[in-house]
Amino acid sequence: MLEQIEAVIFDLDGTLVDSMGLWRDIDIEFLGERGIEYKDDLQEKIEGMSFTETAEFCKEYYNLSESVEELKSIWNHMARHKYRYEVQPKPGVLEFLDLLKSKGIKMGIATSNSRELIQAVNDAYHFDEYMSCIVTSCSVKKGKPAPDVYLEAARQLDVAPDACLVFEDIVKGIEAGKNAGMKVCAVEDVYSAAQREKKMEISDYYIETYEDMKEVW
């Protein structure tokens, strides 16, 4: 899998950390406070969107009175403590990061999440000590499945896209990596279980946990 790979780029939520489940709880609480019923298709509607795109969508879809920036601030406030103290790294990922570092392979994060929540999870697990770049979809033109965030990460890492390997947990993220001309390894995640067959179909590789990566070496 890692032959001729010069850089590995990770998505954050559901890929580096088990965090997808907390967003359902936040969405239920946020919408409930505004008298709006949560429906299970919300995550499907916003999948791959940047933090800003998600705020823009929700403002229009639910006819919310808050501005886009206010919505982002509310969500950051609701999630910050959870990312700092409750979110756990995916099994085996820290050992895998140590292994990549020992091999001199560059690493980066390309995420749809906010800079504030990335900082919160970094405070807990210090992913930034491994990463040469951290790029959010808010800093590029379009969120996933557009390739923008992965291409920007490759640019900052100074590595050609075809020498990059992406780790992703959702279909639109996998599509973003493939659209960037990169190899993609799909990662098992309980919250995208319904996408498992599609993930296996469109990715180059599939792992259930990062423990599987021991076989690569």
N, C-alpha and C. Protein backbone atom coordinates (compact mmCIF):
# COMPACT_ATOMS: atom_id res chain seq x y z
N MET A 1 0.82 -1.21 0.00
CA MET A 1 0.00 0.00 0.00
C MET A 1 0.85 1.27 0.00
N LEU A 2 1.96 1.26 0.72
CA LEU A 2 2.75 2.48 0.88
C LEU A 2 3.91 2.58 -0.10
N GLU A 3 3.97 1.67 -1.05
CA GLU A 3 5.03 1.73 -2.05
C GLU A 3 4.89 3.00 -2.89
N GLN A 4 5.97 3.75 -3.03
CA GLN A 4 6.03 5.00 -3.80
C GLN A 4 5.17 6.11 -3.19
N ILE A 5 4.77 5.96 -1.94
CA ILE A 5 4.01 6.99 -1.25
C ILE A 5 4.97 7.90 -0.47
N GLU A 6 4.86 9.19 -0.72
CA GLU A 6 5.72 10.17 -0.05
C GLU A 6 4.98 10.91 1.07
N ALA A 7 3.65 10.92 1.00
CA ALA A 7 2.87 11.63 2.02
C ALA A 7 1.56 10.90 2.27
N VAL A 8 1.12 10.93 3.53
CA VAL A 8 -0.17 10.39 3.91
C VAL A 8 -1.02 11.53 4.47
N ILE A 9 -2.24 11.65 3.95
CA ILE A 9 -3.14 12.73 4.36
C ILE A 9 -4.38 12.11 4.99
N PHE A 10 -4.71 12.56 6.19
CA PHE A 10 -5.83 12.00 6.93
C PHE A 10 -7.00 12.97 7.01
N ASP A 11 -8.20 12.45 6.82
CA ASP A 11 -9.38 13.13 7.31
C ASP A 11 -9.33 13.07 8.84
N LEU A 12 -10.16 13.86 9.51
CA LEU A 12 -10.15 13.86 10.98
C LEU A 12 -11.28 13.02 11.56
N ASP A 13 -12.51 13.46 11.39
CA ASP A 13 -13.65 12.83 12.05
C ASP A 13 -13.98 11.48 11.43
N GLY A 14 -14.01 10.45 12.28
CA GLY A 14 -14.29 9.11 11.81
C GLY A 14 -13.08 8.42 11.21
N THR A 15 -11.98 9.15 11.08
CA THR A 15 -10.77 8.61 10.46
C THR A 15 -9.62 8.59 11.46
N LEU A 16 -9.27 9.75 11.99
CA LEU A 16 -8.26 9.80 13.06
C LEU A 16 -8.90 9.60 14.43
N VAL A 17 -10.13 10.12 14.59
CA VAL A 17 -10.81 10.03 15.88
C VAL A 17 -12.24 9.54 15.71
N ASP A 18 -12.77 8.91 16.77
CA ASP A 18 -14.16 8.47 16.80
C ASP A 18 -15.02 9.63 17.28
N SER A 19 -15.50 10.43 16.37
CA SER A 19 -16.24 11.64 16.75
C SER A 19 -17.57 11.80 16.03
N MET A 20 -17.86 10.94 15.06
CA MET A 20 -19.06 11.16 14.26
C MET A 20 -20.33 11.08 15.10
N GLY A 21 -20.36 10.19 16.09
CA GLY A 21 -21.56 10.01 16.89
C GLY A 21 -21.96 11.22 17.69
N LEU A 22 -20.99 12.01 18.14
CA LEU A 22 -21.33 13.15 18.99
C LEU A 22 -22.12 14.20 18.22
N TRP A 23 -21.94 14.26 16.89
CA TRP A 23 -22.63 15.29 16.12
C TRP A 23 -24.13 15.04 16.03
N ARG A 24 -24.54 13.79 16.08
CA ARG A 24 -25.98 13.51 16.11
C ARG A 24 -26.59 14.09 17.37
N ASP A 25 -25.92 13.90 18.52
CA ASP A 25 -26.42 14.44 19.78
C ASP A 25 -26.45 15.96 19.75
N ILE A 26 -25.41 16.57 19.19
CA ILE A 26 -25.37 18.03 19.09
C ILE A 26 -26.49 18.53 18.19
N ASP A 27 -26.70 17.87 17.07
CA ASP A 27 -27.76 18.30 16.14
C ASP A 27 -29.13 18.19 16.79
N ILE A 28 -29.37 17.10 17.52
CA ILE A 28 -30.66 16.92 18.20
C ILE A 28 -30.88 18.04 19.22
N GLU A 29 -29.83 18.33 20.00
CA GLU A 29 -29.95 19.39 21.01
C GLU A 29 -30.14 20.76 20.36
N PHE A 30 -29.32 21.05 19.36
CA PHE A 30 -29.37 22.35 18.70
C PHE A 30 -30.74 22.60 18.07
N LEU A 31 -31.23 21.63 17.31
CA LEU A 31 -32.52 21.80 16.63
C LEU A 31 -33.66 21.79 17.64
N GLY A 32 -33.57 20.95 18.66
CA GLY A 32 -34.62 20.88 19.67
C GLY A 32 -34.81 22.20 20.39
N GLU A 33 -33.71 22.90 20.66
CA GLU A 33 -33.79 24.21 21.31
C GLU A 33 -34.53 25.22 20.45
N ARG A 34 -34.63 24.95 19.16
CA ARG A 34 -35.31 25.85 18.22
C ARG A 34 -36.64 25.29 17.75
N GLY A 35 -37.11 24.24 18.44
CA GLY A 35 -38.40 23.66 18.13
C GLY A 35 -38.45 22.93 16.80
N ILE A 36 -37.28 22.43 16.36
CA ILE A 36 -37.19 21.74 15.07
C ILE A 36 -36.90 20.26 15.32
N GLU A 37 -37.65 19.40 14.65
CA GLU A 37 -37.45 17.96 14.80
C GLU A 37 -36.21 17.51 14.03
N TYR A 38 -35.35 16.73 14.69
CA TYR A 38 -34.20 16.15 14.03
C TYR A 38 -34.63 14.96 13.19
N LYS A 39 -34.12 14.86 11.98
CA LYS A 39 -34.38 13.71 11.12
C LYS A 39 -33.06 13.07 10.73
N ASP A 40 -33.07 11.75 10.64
CA ASP A 40 -31.84 10.99 10.45
C ASP A 40 -31.16 11.24 9.11
N ASP A 41 -31.85 11.88 8.17
CA ASP A 41 -31.23 12.12 6.87
C ASP A 41 -30.37 13.38 6.85
N LEU A 42 -30.28 14.09 7.98
CA LEU A 42 -29.49 15.33 8.01
C LEU A 42 -28.03 15.06 7.69
N GLN A 43 -27.44 14.04 8.30
CA GLN A 43 -26.03 13.77 8.07
C GLN A 43 -25.75 13.45 6.60
N GLU A 44 -26.68 12.77 5.97
CA GLU A 44 -26.52 12.47 4.56
C GLU A 44 -26.54 13.75 3.72
N LYS A 45 -27.39 14.70 4.12
CA LYS A 45 -27.51 15.95 3.37
C LYS A 45 -26.24 16.79 3.46
N ILE A 46 -25.57 16.77 4.62
CA ILE A 46 -24.43 17.66 4.83
C ILE A 46 -23.09 16.95 4.68
N GLU A 47 -23.10 15.65 4.39
CA GLU A 47 -21.87 14.89 4.31
C GLU A 47 -20.87 15.52 3.35
N GLY A 48 -19.64 15.71 3.83
CA GLY A 48 -18.58 16.25 3.00
C GLY A 48 -18.50 17.76 3.00
N MET A 49 -19.56 18.44 3.41
CA MET A 49 -19.55 19.91 3.40
C MET A 49 -18.53 20.45 4.40
N SER A 50 -17.99 21.60 4.08
CA SER A 50 -17.13 22.28 5.04
C SER A 50 -17.99 22.80 6.20
N PHE A 51 -17.34 23.21 7.26
CA PHE A 51 -18.05 23.77 8.42
C PHE A 51 -18.90 24.97 7.99
N THR A 52 -18.33 25.80 7.12
CA THR A 52 -19.05 26.98 6.64
C THR A 52 -20.19 26.59 5.73
N GLU A 53 -19.96 25.66 4.82
CA GLU A 53 -21.02 25.20 3.93
C GLU A 53 -22.17 24.57 4.71
N THR A 54 -21.84 23.85 5.78
CA THR A 54 -22.87 23.25 6.62
C THR A 54 -23.72 24.32 7.29
N ALA A 55 -23.07 25.37 7.78
CA ALA A 55 -23.81 26.48 8.41
C ALA A 55 -24.69 27.18 7.38
N GLU A 56 -24.18 27.37 6.19
CA GLU A 56 -24.97 28.01 5.13
C GLU A 56 -26.18 27.15 4.77
N PHE A 57 -25.96 25.84 4.67
CA PHE A 57 -27.06 24.93 4.34
C PHE A 57 -28.13 24.95 5.42
N CYS A 58 -27.70 24.80 6.68
CA CYS A 58 -28.66 24.73 7.78
C CYS A 58 -29.43 26.03 7.95
N LYS A 59 -28.76 27.14 7.77
CA LYS A 59 -29.45 28.44 7.87
C LYS A 59 -30.60 28.51 6.89
N GLU A 60 -30.34 28.10 5.65
CA GLU A 60 -31.37 28.16 4.62
C GLU A 60 -32.41 27.05 4.79
N TYR A 61 -31.94 25.83 5.06
CA TYR A 61 -32.83 24.67 5.11
C TYR A 61 -33.82 24.78 6.27
N TYR A 62 -33.34 25.27 7.42
CA TYR A 62 -34.19 25.38 8.60
C TYR A 62 -34.69 26.81 8.84
N ASN A 63 -34.35 27.71 7.94
CA ASN A 63 -34.75 29.12 8.06
C ASN A 63 -34.37 29.68 9.42
N LEU A 64 -33.09 29.53 9.77
CA LEU A 64 -32.60 29.95 11.07
C LEU A 64 -32.32 31.45 11.09
N SER A 65 -32.52 32.05 12.25
CA SER A 65 -32.33 33.50 12.37
C SER A 65 -30.86 33.88 12.55
N GLU A 66 -30.03 32.95 13.07
CA GLU A 66 -28.62 33.25 13.32
C GLU A 66 -27.85 33.39 12.00
N SER A 67 -26.80 34.19 12.04
CA SER A 67 -25.93 34.31 10.87
C SER A 67 -25.08 33.05 10.75
N VAL A 68 -24.43 32.89 9.61
CA VAL A 68 -23.54 31.75 9.39
C VAL A 68 -22.43 31.74 10.44
N GLU A 69 -21.84 32.89 10.71
CA GLU A 69 -20.77 32.95 11.71
C GLU A 69 -21.28 32.64 13.11
N GLU A 70 -22.49 33.08 13.42
CA GLU A 70 -23.07 32.78 14.73
C GLU A 70 -23.32 31.28 14.88
N LEU A 71 -23.81 30.65 13.82
CA LEU A 71 -24.05 29.21 13.87
C LEU A 71 -22.75 28.45 14.10
N LYS A 72 -21.71 28.83 13.40
CA LYS A 72 -20.42 28.17 13.58
C LYS A 72 -19.91 28.35 15.01
N SER A 73 -20.09 29.53 15.56
CA SER A 73 -19.65 29.80 16.93
C SER A 73 -20.44 28.94 17.92
N ILE A 74 -21.74 28.81 17.72
CA ILE A 74 -22.57 27.98 18.60
C ILE A 74 -22.11 26.53 18.55
N TRP A 75 -21.92 26.01 17.36
CA TRP A 75 -21.50 24.61 17.21
C TRP A 75 -20.13 24.37 17.82
N ASN A 76 -19.21 25.30 17.61
CA ASN A 76 -17.89 25.16 18.22
C ASN A 76 -18.00 25.11 19.74
N HIS A 77 -18.84 25.97 20.29
CA HIS A 77 -19.03 26.01 21.75
C HIS A 77 -19.62 24.69 22.25
N MET A 78 -20.59 24.14 21.51
CA MET A 78 -21.24 22.91 21.93
C MET A 78 -20.31 21.70 21.85
N ALA A 79 -19.37 21.74 20.91
CA ALA A 79 -18.52 20.57 20.65
C ALA A 79 -17.14 20.64 21.27
N ARG A 80 -16.67 21.83 21.65
CA ARG A 80 -15.27 22.00 22.04
C ARG A 80 -14.88 21.08 23.21
N HIS A 81 -15.68 21.05 24.26
CA HIS A 81 -15.36 20.23 25.43
C HIS A 81 -15.33 18.75 25.06
N LYS A 82 -16.27 18.34 24.21
CA LYS A 82 -16.32 16.93 23.79
C LYS A 82 -15.06 16.55 23.03
N TYR A 83 -14.59 17.42 22.14
CA TYR A 83 -13.39 17.12 21.37
C TYR A 83 -12.15 17.10 22.25
N ARG A 84 -12.15 17.91 23.28
CA ARG A 84 -10.98 17.97 24.16
C ARG A 84 -10.94 16.81 25.15
N TYR A 85 -12.12 16.39 25.64
CA TYR A 85 -12.12 15.46 26.76
C TYR A 85 -12.84 14.13 26.52
N GLU A 86 -13.64 14.02 25.46
CA GLU A 86 -14.44 12.81 25.27
C GLU A 86 -14.07 12.01 24.02
N VAL A 87 -13.70 12.69 22.96
CA VAL A 87 -13.38 12.02 21.70
C VAL A 87 -12.12 11.17 21.87
N GLN A 88 -12.15 9.96 21.33
CA GLN A 88 -11.02 9.03 21.42
C GLN A 88 -10.39 8.81 20.04
N PRO A 89 -9.08 8.58 20.01
CA PRO A 89 -8.43 8.27 18.72
C PRO A 89 -8.88 6.90 18.23
N LYS A 90 -8.89 6.70 16.92
CA LYS A 90 -9.22 5.40 16.36
C LYS A 90 -8.18 4.37 16.82
N PRO A 91 -8.60 3.15 17.08
CA PRO A 91 -7.67 2.12 17.57
C PRO A 91 -6.45 1.95 16.65
N GLY A 92 -5.27 2.02 17.26
CA GLY A 92 -4.03 1.81 16.52
C GLY A 92 -3.50 2.99 15.76
N VAL A 93 -4.23 4.12 15.76
CA VAL A 93 -3.81 5.23 14.90
C VAL A 93 -2.54 5.90 15.42
N LEU A 94 -2.40 6.03 16.72
CA LEU A 94 -1.21 6.71 17.25
C LEU A 94 0.06 5.91 16.94
N GLU A 95 -0.04 4.59 17.04
CA GLU A 95 1.09 3.74 16.69
C GLU A 95 1.42 3.85 15.20
N PHE A 96 0.38 3.96 14.38
CA PHE A 96 0.59 4.10 12.94
C PHE A 96 1.26 5.43 12.62
N LEU A 97 0.86 6.49 13.30
CA LEU A 97 1.51 7.79 13.09
C LEU A 97 2.99 7.73 13.48
N ASP A 98 3.29 7.05 14.58
CA ASP A 98 4.69 6.89 14.99
C ASP A 98 5.47 6.13 13.92
N LEU A 99 4.84 5.13 13.34
CA LEU A 99 5.50 4.34 12.30
C LEU A 99 5.79 5.17 11.06
N LEU A 100 4.80 5.94 10.61
CA LEU A 100 5.00 6.81 9.45
C LEU A 100 6.12 7.82 9.71
N LYS A 101 6.13 8.38 10.91
CA LYS A 101 7.16 9.35 11.26
C LYS A 101 8.53 8.72 11.22
N SER A 102 8.64 7.49 11.71
CA SER A 102 9.93 6.81 11.73
C SER A 102 10.42 6.50 10.32
N LYS A 103 9.50 6.39 9.38
CA LYS A 103 9.85 6.09 7.99
C LYS A 103 10.08 7.36 7.17
N GLY A 104 9.90 8.53 7.79
CA GLY A 104 10.13 9.79 7.09
C GLY A 104 9.05 10.15 6.09
N ILE A 105 7.86 9.58 6.26
CA ILE A 105 6.74 9.90 5.36
C ILE A 105 6.03 11.14 5.89
N LYS A 106 5.84 12.11 5.04
CA LYS A 106 5.15 13.33 5.44
C LYS A 106 3.69 13.04 5.75
N MET A 107 3.13 13.85 6.65
CA MET A 107 1.73 13.66 7.04
C MET A 107 1.00 15.00 7.10
N GLY A 108 -0.30 14.94 6.83
CA GLY A 108 -1.14 16.12 6.93
C GLY A 108 -2.57 15.73 7.25
N ILE A 109 -3.35 16.72 7.65
CA ILE A 109 -4.78 16.54 7.89
C ILE A 109 -5.54 17.41 6.90
N ALA A 110 -6.59 16.85 6.31
CA ALA A 110 -7.48 17.60 5.42
C ALA A 110 -8.91 17.32 5.88
N THR A 111 -9.52 18.27 6.53
CA THR A 111 -10.78 18.02 7.24
C THR A 111 -11.86 19.04 6.91
N SER A 112 -13.11 18.59 7.03
CA SER A 112 -14.25 19.50 6.88
C SER A 112 -14.56 20.23 8.18
N ASN A 113 -13.89 19.87 9.26
CA ASN A 113 -14.19 20.44 10.57
C ASN A 113 -13.59 21.82 10.72
N SER A 114 -13.89 22.44 11.85
CA SER A 114 -13.42 23.80 12.11
C SER A 114 -12.03 23.81 12.72
N ARG A 115 -11.34 24.91 12.55
CA ARG A 115 -10.01 25.08 13.13
C ARG A 115 -10.07 24.99 14.65
N GLU A 116 -11.14 25.51 15.25
CA GLU A 116 -11.28 25.49 16.71
C GLU A 116 -11.36 24.07 17.26
N LEU A 117 -12.09 23.20 16.58
CA LEU A 117 -12.25 21.84 17.07
C LEU A 117 -11.02 20.99 16.78
N ILE A 118 -10.31 21.31 15.71
CA ILE A 118 -9.02 20.66 15.46
C ILE A 118 -8.07 20.99 16.60
N GLN A 119 -8.07 22.24 17.03
CA GLN A 119 -7.20 22.63 18.13
C GLN A 119 -7.57 21.90 19.41
N ALA A 120 -8.87 21.72 19.63
CA ALA A 120 -9.31 21.02 20.84
C ALA A 120 -8.81 19.58 20.86
N VAL A 121 -8.92 18.89 19.73
CA VAL A 121 -8.46 17.50 19.69
C VAL A 121 -6.94 17.42 19.71
N ASN A 122 -6.28 18.42 19.15
CA ASN A 122 -4.82 18.49 19.23
C ASN A 122 -4.35 18.69 20.67
N ASP A 123 -5.10 19.44 21.43
CA ASP A 123 -4.76 19.64 22.84
C ASP A 123 -4.76 18.30 23.59
N ALA A 124 -5.62 17.39 23.12
CA ALA A 124 -5.72 16.08 23.78
C ALA A 124 -4.69 15.09 23.28
N TYR A 125 -4.48 15.04 21.95
CA TYR A 125 -3.67 13.95 21.38
C TYR A 125 -2.45 14.41 20.59
N HIS A 126 -2.28 15.71 20.42
CA HIS A 126 -1.07 16.27 19.82
C HIS A 126 -0.80 15.73 18.41
N PHE A 127 -1.86 15.59 17.62
CA PHE A 127 -1.69 15.19 16.23
C PHE A 127 -0.79 16.16 15.47
N ASP A 128 -0.82 17.43 15.89
CA ASP A 128 -0.03 18.44 15.18
C ASP A 128 1.47 18.19 15.29
N GLU A 129 1.89 17.36 16.24
CA GLU A 129 3.32 17.02 16.34
C GLU A 129 3.76 16.10 15.20
N TYR A 130 2.79 15.46 14.57
CA TYR A 130 3.09 14.58 13.44
C TYR A 130 2.87 15.27 12.09
N MET A 131 1.97 16.24 12.07
CA MET A 131 1.48 16.79 10.81
C MET A 131 2.28 18.00 10.34
N SER A 132 2.65 17.97 9.08
CA SER A 132 3.34 19.12 8.48
C SER A 132 2.35 20.16 7.99
N CYS A 133 1.07 19.78 7.86
CA CYS A 133 0.05 20.76 7.49
C CYS A 133 -1.30 20.29 8.01
N ILE A 134 -2.16 21.23 8.33
CA ILE A 134 -3.55 20.96 8.69
C ILE A 134 -4.41 21.92 7.88
N VAL A 135 -5.22 21.37 6.99
CA VAL A 135 -6.02 22.17 6.06
C VAL A 135 -7.50 21.91 6.33
N THR A 136 -8.28 22.97 6.44
CA THR A 136 -9.73 22.82 6.59
C THR A 136 -10.41 23.16 5.27
N SER A 137 -11.57 22.56 5.06
CA SER A 137 -12.31 22.83 3.83
C SER A 137 -12.79 24.28 3.76
N CYS A 138 -12.87 24.95 4.92
CA CYS A 138 -13.26 26.36 4.92
C CYS A 138 -12.21 27.25 4.27
N SER A 139 -10.98 26.73 4.15
CA SER A 139 -9.89 27.54 3.60
C SER A 139 -9.72 27.33 2.09
N VAL A 140 -10.55 26.48 1.50
CA VAL A 140 -10.50 26.26 0.05
C VAL A 140 -11.86 26.58 -0.55
N LYS A 141 -11.96 26.46 -1.86
CA LYS A 141 -13.17 26.92 -2.55
C LYS A 141 -14.36 26.03 -2.27
N LYS A 142 -14.17 24.71 -2.33
CA LYS A 142 -15.29 23.79 -2.17
C LYS A 142 -14.92 22.65 -1.23
N GLY A 143 -15.94 22.17 -0.49
CA GLY A 143 -15.75 21.02 0.38
C GLY A 143 -15.79 19.72 -0.41
N LYS A 144 -15.65 18.62 0.29
CA LYS A 144 -15.68 17.30 -0.32
C LYS A 144 -17.08 17.02 -0.88
N PRO A 145 -17.23 16.36 -2.03
CA PRO A 145 -16.26 15.52 -2.74
C PRO A 145 -15.33 16.26 -3.72
N ALA A 146 -15.39 17.59 -3.77
CA ALA A 146 -14.41 18.32 -4.58
C ALA A 146 -13.01 18.01 -4.04
N PRO A 147 -12.01 18.03 -4.88
CA PRO A 147 -10.66 17.64 -4.46
C PRO A 147 -9.88 18.74 -3.74
N ASP A 148 -10.47 19.92 -3.62
CA ASP A 148 -9.74 21.13 -3.22
C ASP A 148 -8.91 20.95 -1.95
N VAL A 149 -9.52 20.41 -0.89
CA VAL A 149 -8.82 20.35 0.40
C VAL A 149 -7.63 19.40 0.33
N TYR A 150 -7.75 18.32 -0.44
CA TYR A 150 -6.63 17.38 -0.57
C TYR A 150 -5.53 17.93 -1.47
N LEU A 151 -5.92 18.63 -2.51
CA LEU A 151 -4.91 19.24 -3.37
C LEU A 151 -4.14 20.32 -2.63
N GLU A 152 -4.83 21.09 -1.78
CA GLU A 152 -4.14 22.11 -1.00
C GLU A 152 -3.19 21.48 0.02
N ALA A 153 -3.61 20.37 0.62
CA ALA A 153 -2.72 19.68 1.55
C ALA A 153 -1.47 19.18 0.84
N ALA A 154 -1.65 18.60 -0.36
CA ALA A 154 -0.50 18.12 -1.13
C ALA A 154 0.43 19.28 -1.50
N ARG A 155 -0.17 20.43 -1.84
CA ARG A 155 0.64 21.60 -2.18
C ARG A 155 1.47 22.04 -0.98
N GLN A 156 0.84 22.08 0.20
CA GLN A 156 1.57 22.50 1.40
C GLN A 156 2.64 21.49 1.81
N LEU A 157 2.40 20.22 1.51
CA LEU A 157 3.38 19.18 1.82
C LEU A 157 4.47 19.11 0.76
N ASP A 158 4.26 19.81 -0.38
CA ASP A 158 5.19 19.80 -1.49
C ASP A 158 5.39 18.38 -2.03
N VAL A 159 4.27 17.69 -2.21
CA VAL A 159 4.26 16.33 -2.74
C VAL A 159 3.23 16.25 -3.86
N ALA A 160 3.58 15.60 -4.96
CA ALA A 160 2.65 15.42 -6.07
C ALA A 160 1.44 14.61 -5.62
N PRO A 161 0.23 14.93 -6.10
CA PRO A 161 -0.96 14.18 -5.69
C PRO A 161 -0.84 12.68 -5.87
N ASP A 162 -0.20 12.24 -6.95
CA ASP A 162 -0.14 10.79 -7.19
C ASP A 162 0.86 10.09 -6.27
N ALA A 163 1.57 10.85 -5.44
CA ALA A 163 2.46 10.26 -4.44
C ALA A 163 1.86 10.36 -3.04
N CYS A 164 0.55 10.69 -2.97
CA CYS A 164 -0.14 10.83 -1.69
C CYS A 164 -1.13 9.68 -1.48
N LEU A 165 -1.25 9.26 -0.23
CA LEU A 165 -2.24 8.28 0.18
C LEU A 165 -3.17 8.94 1.18
N VAL A 166 -4.47 8.84 0.92
CA VAL A 166 -5.50 9.44 1.77
C VAL A 166 -6.17 8.37 2.62
N PHE A 167 -6.47 8.71 3.87
CA PHE A 167 -7.29 7.86 4.73
C PHE A 167 -8.61 8.58 4.98
N GLU A 168 -9.73 7.93 4.69
CA GLU A 168 -11.05 8.53 4.77
C GLU A 168 -12.08 7.53 5.28
N ASP A 169 -13.17 8.06 5.86
CA ASP A 169 -14.20 7.17 6.41
C ASP A 169 -15.55 7.28 5.72
N ILE A 170 -15.77 8.28 4.87
CA ILE A 170 -17.06 8.44 4.22
C ILE A 170 -16.90 8.49 2.70
N VAL A 171 -17.98 8.19 2.00
CA VAL A 171 -17.93 8.10 0.54
C VAL A 171 -17.49 9.40 -0.10
N LYS A 172 -18.06 10.53 0.32
CA LYS A 172 -17.70 11.79 -0.32
C LYS A 172 -16.25 12.18 -0.05
N GLY A 173 -15.73 11.78 1.09
CA GLY A 173 -14.32 12.01 1.37
C GLY A 173 -13.43 11.15 0.49
N ILE A 174 -13.82 9.89 0.32
CA ILE A 174 -13.08 9.00 -0.58
C ILE A 174 -13.09 9.56 -2.00
N GLU A 175 -14.26 10.03 -2.42
CA GLU A 175 -14.37 10.62 -3.76
C GLU A 175 -13.49 11.86 -3.89
N ALA A 176 -13.37 12.65 -2.82
CA ALA A 176 -12.51 13.83 -2.86
C ALA A 176 -11.06 13.44 -3.08
N GLY A 177 -10.60 12.41 -2.37
CA GLY A 177 -9.23 11.94 -2.55
C GLY A 177 -9.00 11.40 -3.95
N LYS A 178 -9.95 10.62 -4.45
CA LYS A 178 -9.82 10.07 -5.80
C LYS A 178 -9.86 11.18 -6.84
N ASN A 179 -10.72 12.17 -6.64
CA ASN A 179 -10.81 13.31 -7.56
C ASN A 179 -9.53 14.12 -7.58
N ALA A 180 -8.76 14.03 -6.48
CA ALA A 180 -7.47 14.73 -6.41
C ALA A 180 -6.35 13.93 -7.06
N GLY A 181 -6.67 12.73 -7.53
CA GLY A 181 -5.66 11.88 -8.18
C GLY A 181 -4.79 11.13 -7.19
N MET A 182 -5.33 10.88 -6.00
CA MET A 182 -4.58 10.21 -4.95
C MET A 182 -5.11 8.79 -4.72
N LYS A 183 -4.27 7.93 -4.14
CA LYS A 183 -4.73 6.65 -3.66
C LYS A 183 -5.51 6.88 -2.36
N VAL A 184 -6.53 6.06 -2.14
CA VAL A 184 -7.36 6.24 -0.94
C VAL A 184 -7.56 4.91 -0.22
N CYS A 185 -7.35 4.95 1.09
CA CYS A 185 -7.65 3.82 1.96
C CYS A 185 -8.87 4.18 2.79
N ALA A 186 -9.94 3.41 2.64
CA ALA A 186 -11.15 3.63 3.43
C ALA A 186 -10.98 3.00 4.80
N VAL A 187 -11.52 3.69 5.81
CA VAL A 187 -11.41 3.25 7.19
C VAL A 187 -12.80 2.88 7.71
N GLU A 188 -12.90 1.72 8.34
CA GLU A 188 -14.16 1.28 8.94
C GLU A 188 -14.59 2.27 10.02
N ASP A 189 -15.88 2.61 10.02
CA ASP A 189 -16.43 3.46 11.08
C ASP A 189 -17.89 3.10 11.24
N VAL A 190 -18.33 2.93 12.49
CA VAL A 190 -19.68 2.46 12.75
C VAL A 190 -20.72 3.41 12.17
N TYR A 191 -20.42 4.69 12.12
CA TYR A 191 -21.41 5.67 11.67
C TYR A 191 -21.52 5.76 10.16
N SER A 192 -20.64 5.08 9.44
CA SER A 192 -20.80 4.98 7.98
C SER A 192 -20.96 3.52 7.57
N ALA A 193 -21.47 2.70 8.49
CA ALA A 193 -21.62 1.27 8.22
C ALA A 193 -22.49 1.01 7.01
N ALA A 194 -23.50 1.84 6.79
CA ALA A 194 -24.39 1.66 5.66
C ALA A 194 -23.68 1.89 4.33
N GLN A 195 -22.54 2.59 4.38
CA GLN A 195 -21.78 2.88 3.16
C GLN A 195 -20.67 1.86 2.91
N ARG A 196 -20.58 0.85 3.75
CA ARG A 196 -19.41 -0.05 3.71
C ARG A 196 -19.16 -0.62 2.32
N GLU A 197 -20.19 -1.15 1.69
CA GLU A 197 -20.01 -1.76 0.37
C GLU A 197 -19.52 -0.74 -0.65
N LYS A 198 -20.12 0.45 -0.63
CA LYS A 198 -19.72 1.51 -1.56
C LYS A 198 -18.30 1.97 -1.28
N LYS A 199 -17.94 2.08 0.00
CA LYS A 199 -16.59 2.49 0.37
C LYS A 199 -15.56 1.50 -0.15
N MET A 200 -15.86 0.22 -0.01
CA MET A 200 -14.94 -0.81 -0.48
C MET A 200 -14.83 -0.79 -2.01
N GLU A 201 -15.93 -0.46 -2.66
CA GLU A 201 -15.96 -0.45 -4.12
C GLU A 201 -15.11 0.66 -4.71
N ILE A 202 -15.17 1.87 -4.13
CA ILE A 202 -14.53 3.02 -4.77
C ILE A 202 -13.14 3.34 -4.23
N SER A 203 -12.77 2.74 -3.08
CA SER A 203 -11.44 3.01 -2.53
C SER A 203 -10.42 2.02 -3.09
N ASP A 204 -9.15 2.36 -2.92
CA ASP A 204 -8.07 1.46 -3.36
C ASP A 204 -7.80 0.38 -2.32
N TYR A 205 -8.01 0.72 -1.04
CA TYR A 205 -7.76 -0.20 0.06
C TYR A 205 -8.83 0.00 1.12
N TYR A 206 -8.96 -0.98 2.00
CA TYR A 206 -9.95 -0.88 3.08
C TYR A 206 -9.36 -1.51 4.34
N ILE A 207 -9.46 -0.80 5.46
CA ILE A 207 -9.01 -1.36 6.73
C ILE A 207 -10.13 -1.26 7.76
N GLU A 208 -10.19 -2.23 8.65
CA GLU A 208 -11.15 -2.18 9.74
C GLU A 208 -10.60 -1.36 10.90
N THR A 209 -9.30 -1.49 11.19
CA THR A 209 -8.63 -0.64 12.17
C THR A 209 -7.20 -0.41 11.67
N TYR A 210 -6.51 0.52 12.29
CA TYR A 210 -5.13 0.79 11.92
C TYR A 210 -4.20 -0.35 12.32
N GLU A 211 -4.69 -1.26 13.14
CA GLU A 211 -3.92 -2.46 13.44
C GLU A 211 -3.63 -3.24 12.16
N ASP A 212 -4.55 -3.13 11.19
CA ASP A 212 -4.35 -3.82 9.91
C ASP A 212 -3.11 -3.33 9.18
N MET A 213 -2.67 -2.12 9.47
CA MET A 213 -1.52 -1.54 8.78
C MET A 213 -0.22 -2.21 9.17
N LYS A 214 -0.23 -2.95 10.29
CA LYS A 214 0.98 -3.67 10.67
C LYS A 214 1.39 -4.67 9.59
N GLU A 215 0.39 -5.18 8.87
CA GLU A 215 0.67 -6.16 7.83
C GLU A 215 1.42 -5.54 6.65
N VAL A 216 1.27 -4.22 6.48
CA VAL A 216 1.92 -3.52 5.37
C VAL A 216 3.44 -3.59 5.51
N TRP A 217 3.91 -3.55 6.76
CA TRP A 217 5.35 -3.49 6.99
C TRP A 217 5.94 -4.87 7.13
